[in-house]
Amino acid sequence: MLSLGEDLREAVAATINREDVREAVAAIYATVEGELGRLSPRCEMSGRCCRFEEYGHRLFVTTAELATFAADLRRDQQLTPYLLRQ
């Protein structure tokens, strides 16, 4: 039986190379960003909702989001040596 961490690691590894998943996550983020720009929300709670640890909040991430983040991080790490030579 795998532990929760091992299960998550396997799920991310199985998803990390799926371009369709990364594109879907990017589309959702673009939609949310567009709506935020359109609505122009204003923080009236002094940041209490976004200071997670201080106020005991949890920030959840899906396997698809985590795999997309990991793929982007891996791509950025591969590009870094090239960019530093420029």
PDB file of N, CA and C in Angstrom:
ATOM      1  N   MET A   1       0.846  -1.183   0.000  1.00  0.00           N
ATOM      2  CA  MET A   1       0.000   0.000   0.000  1.00  0.00           C
ATOM      3  C   MET A   1       0.889   1.244   0.000  1.00  0.00           C
ATOM      4  N   LEU A   2       0.590   2.188  -0.899  1.00  0.00           N
ATOM      5  CA  LEU A   2       1.358   3.418  -1.001  1.00  0.00           C
ATOM      6  C   LEU A   2       0.878   4.430   0.029  1.00  0.00           C
ATOM      7  N   SER A   3       1.794   5.274   0.463  1.00  0.00           N
ATOM      8  CA  SER A   3       1.396   6.354   1.360  1.00  0.00           C
ATOM      9  C   SER A   3       0.762   7.461   0.532  1.00  0.00           C
ATOM     10  N   LEU A   4       0.129   8.404   1.205  1.00  0.00           N
ATOM     11  CA  LEU A   4      -0.505   9.515   0.508  1.00  0.00           C
ATOM     12  C   LEU A   4       0.508  10.280  -0.330  1.00  0.00           C
ATOM     13  N   GLY A   5       1.700  10.513   0.215  1.00  0.00           N
ATOM     14  CA  GLY A   5       2.741  11.220  -0.530  1.00  0.00           C
ATOM     15  C   GLY A   5       3.163  10.457  -1.770  1.00  0.00           C
ATOM     16  N   GLU A   6       3.297   9.146  -1.656  1.00  0.00           N
ATOM     17  CA  GLU A   6       3.684   8.334  -2.814  1.00  0.00           C
ATOM     18  C   GLU A   6       2.561   8.302  -3.851  1.00  0.00           C
ATOM     19  N   ASP A   7       1.320   8.218  -3.398  1.00  0.00           N
ATOM     20  CA  ASP A   7       0.181   8.252  -4.317  1.00  0.00           C
ATOM     21  C   ASP A   7       0.163   9.558  -5.092  1.00  0.00           C
ATOM     22  N   LEU A   8       0.367  10.661  -4.397  1.00  0.00           N
ATOM     23  CA  LEU A   8       0.373  11.970  -5.046  1.00  0.00           C
ATOM     24  C   LEU A   8       1.528  12.072  -6.027  1.00  0.00           C
ATOM     25  N   ARG A   9       2.690  11.619  -5.625  1.00  0.00           N
ATOM     26  CA  ARG A   9       3.865  11.658  -6.500  1.00  0.00           C
ATOM     27  C   ARG A   9       3.607  10.865  -7.780  1.00  0.00           C
ATOM     28  N   GLU A  10       3.001   9.708  -7.658  1.00  0.00           N
ATOM     29  CA  GLU A  10       2.691   8.892  -8.835  1.00  0.00           C
ATOM     30  C   GLU A  10       1.643   9.564  -9.715  1.00  0.00           C
ATOM     31  N   ALA A  11       0.641  10.176  -9.097  1.00  0.00           N
ATOM     32  CA  ALA A  11      -0.404  10.861  -9.868  1.00  0.00           C
ATOM     33  C   ALA A  11       0.176  12.042 -10.634  1.00  0.00           C
ATOM     34  N   VAL A  12       1.051  12.798  -9.994  1.00  0.00           N
ATOM     35  CA  VAL A  12       1.686  13.940 -10.663  1.00  0.00           C
ATOM     36  C   VAL A  12       2.583  13.434 -11.790  1.00  0.00           C
ATOM     37  N   ALA A  13       3.353  12.390 -11.536  1.00  0.00           N
ATOM     38  CA  ALA A  13       4.243  11.837 -12.563  1.00  0.00           C
ATOM     39  C   ALA A  13       3.445  11.343 -13.772  1.00  0.00           C
ATOM     40  N   ALA A  14       2.275  10.789 -13.531  1.00  0.00           N
ATOM     41  CA  ALA A  14       1.439  10.298 -14.630  1.00  0.00           C
ATOM     42  C   ALA A  14       0.802  11.434 -15.420  1.00  0.00           C
ATOM     43  N   THR A  15       0.728  12.616 -14.825  1.00  0.00           N
ATOM     44  CA  THR A  15       0.033  13.755 -15.431  1.00  0.00           C
ATOM     45  C   THR A  15       0.982  14.797 -15.993  1.00  0.00           C
ATOM     46  N   ILE A  16       2.214  14.821 -15.530  1.00  0.00           N
ATOM     47  CA  ILE A  16       3.133  15.927 -15.820  1.00  0.00           C
ATOM     48  C   ILE A  16       3.393  16.134 -17.307  1.00  0.00           C
ATOM     49  N   ASN A  17       3.364  15.082 -18.101  1.00  0.00           N
ATOM     50  CA  ASN A  17       3.657  15.205 -19.534  1.00  0.00           C
ATOM     51  C   ASN A  17       2.410  15.335 -20.400  1.00  0.00           C
ATOM     52  N   ARG A  18       1.253  15.483 -19.783  1.00  0.00           N
ATOM     53  CA  ARG A  18       0.001  15.597 -20.548  1.00  0.00           C
ATOM     54  C   ARG A  18      -0.258  17.056 -20.913  1.00  0.00           C
ATOM     55  N   GLU A  19       0.006  17.382 -22.163  1.00  0.00           N
ATOM     56  CA  GLU A  19      -0.188  18.751 -22.634  1.00  0.00           C
ATOM     57  C   GLU A  19      -1.642  19.181 -22.523  1.00  0.00           C
ATOM     58  N   ASP A  20      -2.576  18.241 -22.718  1.00  0.00           N
ATOM     59  CA  ASP A  20      -3.996  18.593 -22.622  1.00  0.00           C
ATOM     60  C   ASP A  20      -4.366  19.066 -21.223  1.00  0.00           C
ATOM     61  N   VAL A  21      -3.746  18.468 -20.213  1.00  0.00           N
ATOM     62  CA  VAL A  21      -4.008  18.871 -18.830  1.00  0.00           C
ATOM     63  C   VAL A  21      -3.427  20.260 -18.582  1.00  0.00           C
ATOM     64  N   ARG A  22      -2.189  20.483 -19.020  1.00  0.00           N
ATOM     65  CA  ARG A  22      -1.567  21.799 -18.825  1.00  0.00           C
ATOM     66  C   ARG A  22      -2.352  22.885 -19.546  1.00  0.00           C
ATOM     67  N   GLU A  23      -2.838  22.584 -20.745  1.00  0.00           N
ATOM     68  CA  GLU A  23      -3.638  23.561 -21.486  1.00  0.00           C
ATOM     69  C   GLU A  23      -4.958  23.855 -20.777  1.00  0.00           C
ATOM     70  N   ALA A  24      -5.581  22.822 -20.213  1.00  0.00           N
ATOM     71  CA  ALA A  24      -6.845  23.021 -19.489  1.00  0.00           C
ATOM     72  C   ALA A  24      -6.631  23.878 -18.249  1.00  0.00           C
ATOM     73  N   VAL A  25      -5.570  23.614 -17.508  1.00  0.00           N
ATOM     74  CA  VAL A  25      -5.260  24.420 -16.318  1.00  0.00           C
ATOM     75  C   VAL A  25      -4.989  25.863 -16.727  1.00  0.00           C
ATOM     76  N   ALA A  26      -4.206  26.063 -17.783  1.00  0.00           N
ATOM     77  CA  ALA A  26      -3.903  27.415 -18.254  1.00  0.00           C
ATOM     78  C   ALA A  26      -5.175  28.140 -18.679  1.00  0.00           C
ATOM     79  N   ALA A  27      -6.102  27.432 -19.316  1.00  0.00           N
ATOM     80  CA  ALA A  27      -7.360  28.048 -19.747  1.00  0.00           C
ATOM     81  C   ALA A  27      -8.201  28.475 -18.549  1.00  0.00           C
ATOM     82  N   ILE A  28      -8.244  27.648 -17.528  1.00  0.00           N
ATOM     83  CA  ILE A  28      -9.000  27.992 -16.318  1.00  0.00           C
ATOM     84  C   ILE A  28      -8.375  29.218 -15.648  1.00  0.00           C
ATOM     85  N   TYR A  29      -7.060  29.216 -15.514  1.00  0.00           N
ATOM     86  CA  TYR A  29      -6.385  30.356 -14.895  1.00  0.00           C
ATOM     87  C   TYR A  29      -6.609  31.634 -15.703  1.00  0.00           C
ATOM     88  N   ALA A  30      -6.571  31.540 -17.037  1.00  0.00           N
ATOM     89  CA  ALA A  30      -6.798  32.720 -17.882  1.00  0.00           C
ATOM     90  C   ALA A  30      -8.220  33.248 -17.706  1.00  0.00           C
ATOM     91  N   THR A  31      -9.187  32.337 -17.598  1.00  0.00           N
ATOM     92  CA  THR A  31     -10.572  32.745 -17.382  1.00  0.00           C
ATOM     93  C   THR A  31     -10.721  33.456 -16.046  1.00  0.00           C
ATOM     94  N   VAL A  32     -10.140  32.888 -15.013  1.00  0.00           N
ATOM     95  CA  VAL A  32     -10.216  33.498 -13.680  1.00  0.00           C
ATOM     96  C   VAL A  32      -9.537  34.866 -13.685  1.00  0.00           C
ATOM     97  N   GLU A  33      -8.360  34.945 -14.297  1.00  0.00           N
ATOM     98  CA  GLU A  33      -7.650  36.223 -14.350  1.00  0.00           C
ATOM     99  C   GLU A  33      -8.467  37.271 -15.116  1.00  0.00           C
ATOM    100  N   GLY A  34      -9.101  36.857 -16.206  1.00  0.00           N
ATOM    101  CA  GLY A  34      -9.945  37.774 -16.965  1.00  0.00           C
ATOM    102  C   GLY A  34     -11.123  38.273 -16.155  1.00  0.00           C
ATOM    103  N   GLU A  35     -11.759  37.374 -15.418  1.00  0.00           N
ATOM    104  CA  GLU A  35     -12.896  37.762 -14.574  1.00  0.00           C
ATOM    105  C   GLU A  35     -12.463  38.692 -13.444  1.00  0.00           C
ATOM    106  N   LEU A  36     -11.311  38.402 -12.859  1.00  0.00           N
ATOM    107  CA  LEU A  36     -10.806  39.292 -11.809  1.00  0.00           C
ATOM    108  C   LEU A  36     -10.533  40.686 -12.364  1.00  0.00           C
ATOM    109  N   GLY A  37      -9.961  40.732 -13.562  1.00  0.00           N
ATOM    110  CA  GLY A  37      -9.721  42.025 -14.185  1.00  0.00           C
ATOM    111  C   GLY A  37     -11.016  42.755 -14.494  1.00  0.00           C
ATOM    112  N   ARG A  38     -12.015  42.021 -14.946  1.00  0.00           N
ATOM    113  CA  ARG A  38     -13.306  42.615 -15.291  1.00  0.00           C
ATOM    114  C   ARG A  38     -14.031  43.114 -14.050  1.00  0.00           C
ATOM    115  N   LEU A  39     -13.988  42.333 -12.987  1.00  0.00           N
ATOM    116  CA  LEU A  39     -14.718  42.684 -11.771  1.00  0.00           C
ATOM    117  C   LEU A  39     -13.975  43.668 -10.878  1.00  0.00           C
ATOM    118  N   SER A  40     -12.659  43.713 -11.001  1.00  0.00           N
ATOM    119  CA  SER A  40     -11.814  44.586 -10.176  1.00  0.00           C
ATOM    120  C   SER A  40     -12.174  44.510  -8.693  1.00  0.00           C
ATOM    121  N   PRO A  41     -12.100  43.316  -8.110  1.00  0.00           N
ATOM    122  CA  PRO A  41     -12.455  43.209  -6.690  1.00  0.00           C
ATOM    123  C   PRO A  41     -11.491  44.011  -5.823  1.00  0.00           C
ATOM    124  N   ARG A  42     -11.973  44.446  -4.694  1.00  0.00           N
ATOM    125  CA  ARG A  42     -11.167  45.224  -3.757  1.00  0.00           C
ATOM    126  C   ARG A  42     -11.120  44.485  -2.425  1.00  0.00           C
ATOM    127  N   CYS A  43      -9.934  44.362  -1.872  1.00  0.00           N
ATOM    128  CA  CYS A  43      -9.784  43.705  -0.576  1.00  0.00           C
ATOM    129  C   CYS A  43     -10.258  44.658   0.519  1.00  0.00           C
ATOM    130  N   GLU A  44     -11.196  44.174   1.293  1.00  0.00           N
ATOM    131  CA  GLU A  44     -11.701  44.971   2.414  1.00  0.00           C
ATOM    132  C   GLU A  44     -11.487  44.259   3.748  1.00  0.00           C
ATOM    133  N   MET A  45     -10.678  43.203   3.728  1.00  0.00           N
ATOM    134  CA  MET A  45     -10.479  42.407   4.939  1.00  0.00           C
ATOM    135  C   MET A  45      -9.044  42.476   5.448  1.00  0.00           C
ATOM    136  N   SER A  46      -8.304  43.463   5.045  1.00  0.00           N
ATOM    137  CA  SER A  46      -6.929  43.669   5.521  1.00  0.00           C
ATOM    138  C   SER A  46      -6.021  42.470   5.262  1.00  0.00           C
ATOM    139  N   GLY A  47      -6.312  41.705   4.217  1.00  0.00           N
ATOM    140  CA  GLY A  47      -5.475  40.561   3.865  1.00  0.00           C
ATOM    141  C   GLY A  47      -5.693  39.329   4.708  1.00  0.00           C
ATOM    142  N   ARG A  48      -6.693  39.335   5.582  1.00  0.00           N
ATOM    143  CA  ARG A  48      -6.892  38.180   6.456  1.00  0.00           C
ATOM    144  C   ARG A  48      -7.197  36.898   5.687  1.00  0.00           C
ATOM    145  N   CYS A  49      -7.838  37.025   4.534  1.00  0.00           N
ATOM    146  CA  CYS A  49      -8.173  35.801   3.801  1.00  0.00           C
ATOM    147  C   CYS A  49      -6.990  35.209   3.059  1.00  0.00           C
ATOM    148  N   CYS A  50      -5.957  35.979   2.797  1.00  0.00           N
ATOM    149  CA  CYS A  50      -4.837  35.436   2.036  1.00  0.00           C
ATOM    150  C   CYS A  50      -3.586  35.190   2.885  1.00  0.00           C
ATOM    151  N   ARG A  51      -3.632  35.473   4.155  1.00  0.00           N
ATOM    152  CA  ARG A  51      -2.502  35.130   5.043  1.00  0.00           C
ATOM    153  C   ARG A  51      -2.843  33.781   5.676  1.00  0.00           C
ATOM    154  N   PHE A  52      -2.625  32.742   4.881  1.00  0.00           N
ATOM    155  CA  PHE A  52      -3.122  31.408   5.191  1.00  0.00           C
ATOM    156  C   PHE A  52      -2.677  30.883   6.551  1.00  0.00           C
ATOM    157  N   GLU A  53      -1.394  30.809   6.768  1.00  0.00           N
ATOM    158  CA  GLU A  53      -0.899  30.232   8.014  1.00  0.00           C
ATOM    159  C   GLU A  53      -1.329  31.036   9.234  1.00  0.00           C
ATOM    160  N   GLU A  54      -1.254  32.344   9.119  1.00  0.00           N
ATOM    161  CA  GLU A  54      -1.580  33.216  10.245  1.00  0.00           C
ATOM    162  C   GLU A  54      -3.031  33.052  10.707  1.00  0.00           C
ATOM    163  N   TYR A  55      -3.927  32.814   9.755  1.00  0.00           N
ATOM    164  CA  TYR A  55      -5.349  32.707  10.089  1.00  0.00           C
ATOM    165  C   TYR A  55      -5.884  31.280  10.004  1.00  0.00           C
ATOM    166  N   GLY A  56      -4.988  30.297   9.863  1.00  0.00           N
ATOM    167  CA  GLY A  56      -5.399  28.902   9.871  1.00  0.00           C
ATOM    168  C   GLY A  56      -6.154  28.464   8.631  1.00  0.00           C
ATOM    169  N   HIS A  57      -5.952  29.147   7.513  1.00  0.00           N
ATOM    170  CA  HIS A  57      -6.618  28.772   6.270  1.00  0.00           C
ATOM    171  C   HIS A  57      -5.809  27.717   5.535  1.00  0.00           C
ATOM    172  N   ARG A  58      -6.463  26.989   4.668  1.00  0.00           N
ATOM    173  CA  ARG A  58      -5.799  25.982   3.844  1.00  0.00           C
ATOM    174  C   ARG A  58      -5.905  26.399   2.379  1.00  0.00           C
ATOM    175  N   LEU A  59      -4.834  26.253   1.650  1.00  0.00           N
ATOM    176  CA  LEU A  59      -4.837  26.492   0.216  1.00  0.00           C
ATOM    177  C   LEU A  59      -4.759  25.130  -0.456  1.00  0.00           C
ATOM    178  N   PHE A  60      -5.769  24.800  -1.221  1.00  0.00           N
ATOM    179  CA  PHE A  60      -5.833  23.494  -1.865  1.00  0.00           C
ATOM    180  C   PHE A  60      -5.343  23.595  -3.302  1.00  0.00           C
ATOM    181  N   VAL A  61      -4.720  22.541  -3.780  1.00  0.00           N
ATOM    182  CA  VAL A  61      -4.239  22.458  -5.152  1.00  0.00           C
ATOM    183  C   VAL A  61      -4.648  21.091  -5.696  1.00  0.00           C
ATOM    184  N   THR A  62      -5.040  21.073  -6.963  1.00  0.00           N
ATOM    185  CA  THR A  62      -5.412  19.802  -7.584  1.00  0.00           C
ATOM    186  C   THR A  62      -4.169  19.117  -8.141  1.00  0.00           C
ATOM    187  N   THR A  63      -4.293  17.848  -8.439  1.00  0.00           N
ATOM    188  CA  THR A  63      -3.185  17.116  -9.049  1.00  0.00           C
ATOM    189  C   THR A  63      -2.815  17.743 -10.389  1.00  0.00           C
ATOM    190  N   ALA A  64      -3.815  18.165 -11.163  1.00  0.00           N
ATOM    191  CA  ALA A  64      -3.559  18.786 -12.466  1.00  0.00           C
ATOM    192  C   ALA A  64      -2.772  20.088 -12.296  1.00  0.00           C
ATOM    193  N   GLU A  65      -3.128  20.894 -11.298  1.00  0.00           N
ATOM    194  CA  GLU A  65      -2.396  22.139 -11.054  1.00  0.00           C
ATOM    195  C   GLU A  65      -0.962  21.846 -10.619  1.00  0.00           C
ATOM    196  N   LEU A  66      -0.796  20.868  -9.749  1.00  0.00           N
ATOM    197  CA  LEU A  66       0.530  20.514  -9.257  1.00  0.00           C
ATOM    198  C   LEU A  66       1.402  19.978 -10.388  1.00  0.00           C
ATOM    199  N   ALA A  67       0.834  19.153 -11.259  1.00  0.00           N
ATOM    200  CA  ALA A  67       1.587  18.626 -12.398  1.00  0.00           C
ATOM    201  C   ALA A  67       1.977  19.751 -13.349  1.00  0.00           C
ATOM    202  N   THR A  68       1.078  20.712 -13.570  1.00  0.00           N
ATOM    203  CA  THR A  68       1.374  21.849 -14.437  1.00  0.00           C
ATOM    204  C   THR A  68       2.492  22.682 -13.834  1.00  0.00           C
ATOM    205  N   PHE A  69       2.409  22.953 -12.543  1.00  0.00           N
ATOM    206  CA  PHE A  69       3.463  23.704 -11.854  1.00  0.00           C
ATOM    207  C   PHE A  69       4.803  22.977 -11.972  1.00  0.00           C
ATOM    208  N   ALA A  70       4.798  21.660 -11.741  1.00  0.00           N
ATOM    209  CA  ALA A  70       6.033  20.874 -11.813  1.00  0.00           C
ATOM    210  C   ALA A  70       6.609  20.888 -13.229  1.00  0.00           C
ATOM    211  N   ALA A  71       5.752  20.790 -14.245  1.00  0.00           N
ATOM    212  CA  ALA A  71       6.216  20.826 -15.635  1.00  0.00           C
ATOM    213  C   ALA A  71       6.827  22.185 -15.958  1.00  0.00           C
ATOM    214  N   ASP A  72       6.177  23.256 -15.503  1.00  0.00           N
ATOM    215  CA  ASP A  72       6.711  24.605 -15.725  1.00  0.00           C
ATOM    216  C   ASP A  72       8.043  24.789 -15.004  1.00  0.00           C
ATOM    217  N   LEU A  73       8.121  24.288 -13.789  1.00  0.00           N
ATOM    218  CA  LEU A  73       9.357  24.399 -13.017  1.00  0.00           C
ATOM    219  C   LEU A  73      10.486  23.634 -13.707  1.00  0.00           C
ATOM    220  N   ARG A  74      10.187  22.429 -14.168  1.00  0.00           N
ATOM    221  CA  ARG A  74      11.191  21.618 -14.861  1.00  0.00           C
ATOM    222  C   ARG A  74      11.657  22.334 -16.137  1.00  0.00           C
ATOM    223  N   ARG A  75      10.706  22.905 -16.904  1.00  0.00           N
ATOM    224  CA  ARG A  75      11.046  23.647 -18.117  1.00  0.00           C
ATOM    225  C   ARG A  75      11.925  24.853 -17.781  1.00  0.00           C
ATOM    226  N   ASP A  76      11.552  25.596 -16.732  1.00  0.00           N
ATOM    227  CA  ASP A  76      12.321  26.773 -16.334  1.00  0.00           C
ATOM    228  C   ASP A  76      13.732  26.390 -15.895  1.00  0.00           C
ATOM    229  N   GLN A  77      13.871  25.276 -15.194  1.00  0.00           N
ATOM    230  CA  GLN A  77      15.198  24.841 -14.756  1.00  0.00           C
ATOM    231  C   GLN A  77      16.053  24.426 -15.940  1.00  0.00           C
ATOM    232  N   GLN A  78      15.428  23.874 -16.978  1.00  0.00           N
ATOM    233  CA  GLN A  78      16.174  23.499 -18.175  1.00  0.00           C
ATOM    234  C   GLN A  78      16.596  24.732 -18.958  1.00  0.00           C
ATOM    235  N   LEU A  79      15.795  25.798 -18.913  1.00  0.00           N
ATOM    236  CA  LEU A  79      16.112  27.022 -19.637  1.00  0.00           C
ATOM    237  C   LEU A  79      17.130  27.896 -18.903  1.00  0.00           C
ATOM    238  N   THR A  80      17.188  27.794 -17.581  1.00  0.00           N
ATOM    239  CA  THR A  80      18.036  28.690 -16.789  1.00  0.00           C
ATOM    240  C   THR A  80      19.494  28.693 -17.234  1.00  0.00           C
ATOM    241  N   PRO A  81      20.148  27.540 -17.408  1.00  0.00           N
ATOM    242  CA  PRO A  81      21.558  27.591 -17.849  1.00  0.00           C
ATOM    243  C   PRO A  81      21.702  28.299 -19.198  1.00  0.00           C
ATOM    244  N   TYR A  82      20.763  28.089 -20.101  1.00  0.00           N
ATOM    245  CA  TYR A  82      20.809  28.749 -21.404  1.00  0.00           C
ATOM    246  C   TYR A  82      20.657  30.268 -21.243  1.00  0.00           C
ATOM    247  N   LEU A  83      19.717  30.675 -20.422  1.00  0.00           N
ATOM    248  CA  LEU A  83      19.476  32.110 -20.238  1.00  0.00           C
ATOM    249  C   LEU A  83      20.652  32.797 -19.558  1.00  0.00           C
ATOM    250  N   LEU A  84      21.341  32.093 -18.663  1.00  0.00           N
ATOM    251  CA  LEU A  84      22.483  32.694 -17.981  1.00  0.00           C
ATOM    252  C   LEU A  84      23.665  32.906 -18.923  1.00  0.00           C
ATOM    253  N   ARG A  85      23.735  32.131 -19.991  1.00  0.00           N
ATOM    254  CA  ARG A  85      24.827  32.283 -20.966  1.00  0.00           C
ATOM    255  C   ARG A  85      24.604  33.484 -21.873  1.00  0.00           C
ATOM    256  N   GLN A  86      23.394  33.952 -21.961  1.00  0.00           N
ATOM    257  CA  GLN A  86      23.052  35.062 -22.876  1.00  0.00           C
ATOM    258  C   GLN A  86      23.728  36.345 -22.490  1.00  0.00           C
TER     259      GLN A  86
END
